Amino acid sequence: MNMNPSDQPDVAGATAQEVVAFDVRHLSEQQLAALGVSHIAYVKPVMVNGVQGFAIHAADGTPMAVAGNRDVAVAAVVQHEMLPLSVH
């Protein structure tokens, strides 16, 4: 049994050779803005034309949708294989 760390898969299934390490203190503004864009969506309460709803935004702040209630907004995010996070 080879116990070489480079052969051991990590939690995401990639080997240590495929994992790229970086120092978040040295990210450019563009890299920071793109961080989590395809994996995280924010859900926050909003008023649209006087009606309460829940807005869904990408991690970079791009508006993606508005739902009538929080459960529908969260379900839409999960359906698109993203992690929903609440904004208060």
Protein backbone atom coordinates (compact mmCIF):
# COMPACT_ATOMS: atom_id res chain seq x y z
CA MET A 1 0.00 0.00 0.00
CA ASN A 2 1.53 3.29 -1.12
CA MET A 3 0.99 6.01 1.49
CA ASN A 4 2.41 8.80 -0.67
CA PRO A 5 0.22 11.89 -0.02
CA SER A 6 0.22 12.76 -3.73
CA ASP A 7 -1.70 9.54 -4.40
CA GLN A 8 -4.34 10.15 -1.75
CA PRO A 9 -7.53 11.83 -3.04
CA ASP A 10 -8.80 14.84 -1.16
CA VAL A 11 -12.44 15.48 -0.22
CA ALA A 12 -13.34 16.69 -3.72
CA GLY A 13 -11.80 13.60 -5.33
CA ALA A 14 -8.74 15.30 -6.81
CA THR A 15 -5.25 14.05 -6.08
CA ALA A 16 -2.78 16.31 -4.31
CA GLN A 17 -1.06 16.93 -7.67
CA GLU A 18 -4.32 18.37 -9.09
CA VAL A 19 -4.99 20.70 -6.16
CA VAL A 20 -3.68 24.22 -6.69
CA ALA A 21 -2.80 26.07 -3.50
CA PHE A 22 -2.90 29.85 -3.39
CA ASP A 23 -2.64 32.57 -0.80
CA VAL A 24 -5.91 34.53 -0.64
CA ARG A 25 -3.99 37.58 0.57
CA HIS A 26 -2.44 37.89 -2.90
CA LEU A 27 -5.56 37.64 -5.09
CA SER A 28 -6.17 40.34 -7.67
CA GLU A 29 -9.47 42.22 -7.61
CA GLN A 30 -10.63 40.16 -10.61
CA GLN A 31 -9.71 36.86 -8.94
CA LEU A 32 -11.45 37.91 -5.73
CA ALA A 33 -14.59 38.94 -7.65
CA ALA A 34 -14.67 35.57 -9.44
CA LEU A 35 -14.20 33.54 -6.26
CA GLY A 36 -17.20 31.26 -5.81
CA VAL A 37 -19.18 32.70 -8.74
CA SER A 38 -20.16 29.30 -10.13
CA HIS A 39 -20.68 27.67 -6.72
CA ILE A 40 -22.39 30.18 -4.42
CA ALA A 41 -25.64 32.14 -4.73
CA TYR A 42 -26.92 34.67 -2.21
CA VAL A 43 -30.61 34.88 -1.28
CA LYS A 44 -31.94 38.08 0.28
CA PRO A 45 -35.35 39.58 0.96
CA VAL A 46 -36.35 42.42 -1.40
CA MET A 47 -39.38 44.52 -2.32
CA VAL A 48 -40.29 44.48 -6.02
CA ASN A 49 -43.09 46.85 -7.07
CA GLY A 50 -44.38 46.85 -3.48
CA VAL A 51 -44.40 43.04 -3.23
CA GLN A 52 -42.13 41.08 -0.86
CA GLY A 53 -39.84 38.63 -2.67
CA PHE A 54 -36.42 37.00 -2.45
CA ALA A 55 -33.64 37.97 -4.82
CA ILE A 56 -31.00 35.49 -5.93
CA HIS A 57 -27.58 36.94 -6.71
CA ALA A 58 -24.37 35.31 -7.94
CA ALA A 59 -21.34 35.52 -5.66
CA ASP A 60 -20.12 38.56 -7.63
CA GLY A 61 -23.42 40.38 -7.00
CA THR A 62 -24.95 39.78 -10.44
CA PRO A 63 -28.75 39.51 -10.08
CA MET A 64 -30.00 36.12 -11.29
CA ALA A 65 -33.68 35.83 -10.30
CA VAL A 66 -36.46 36.83 -7.91
CA ALA A 67 -38.73 34.29 -6.22
CA GLY A 68 -41.99 34.75 -4.35
CA ASN A 69 -40.74 33.09 -1.18
CA ARG A 70 -37.47 32.01 0.40
CA ASP A 71 -38.07 28.26 0.02
CA VAL A 72 -38.56 28.60 -3.74
CA ALA A 73 -35.44 30.77 -4.03
CA VAL A 74 -33.32 28.26 -2.09
CA ALA A 75 -34.75 25.34 -4.11
CA ALA A 76 -33.86 27.14 -7.37
CA VAL A 77 -30.27 27.66 -6.19
CA VAL A 78 -29.91 24.01 -5.11
CA GLN A 79 -31.47 22.80 -8.39
CA HIS A 80 -28.63 24.56 -10.21
CA GLU A 81 -26.09 22.74 -8.02
CA MET A 82 -25.05 25.86 -6.14
CA LEU A 83 -24.78 26.57 -2.41
CA PRO A 84 -27.43 29.03 -1.18
CA LEU A 85 -26.33 31.59 1.42
CA SER A 86 -28.58 34.10 3.14
CA VAL A 87 -27.91 37.82 3.16
CA HIS A 88 -29.54 39.84 5.94
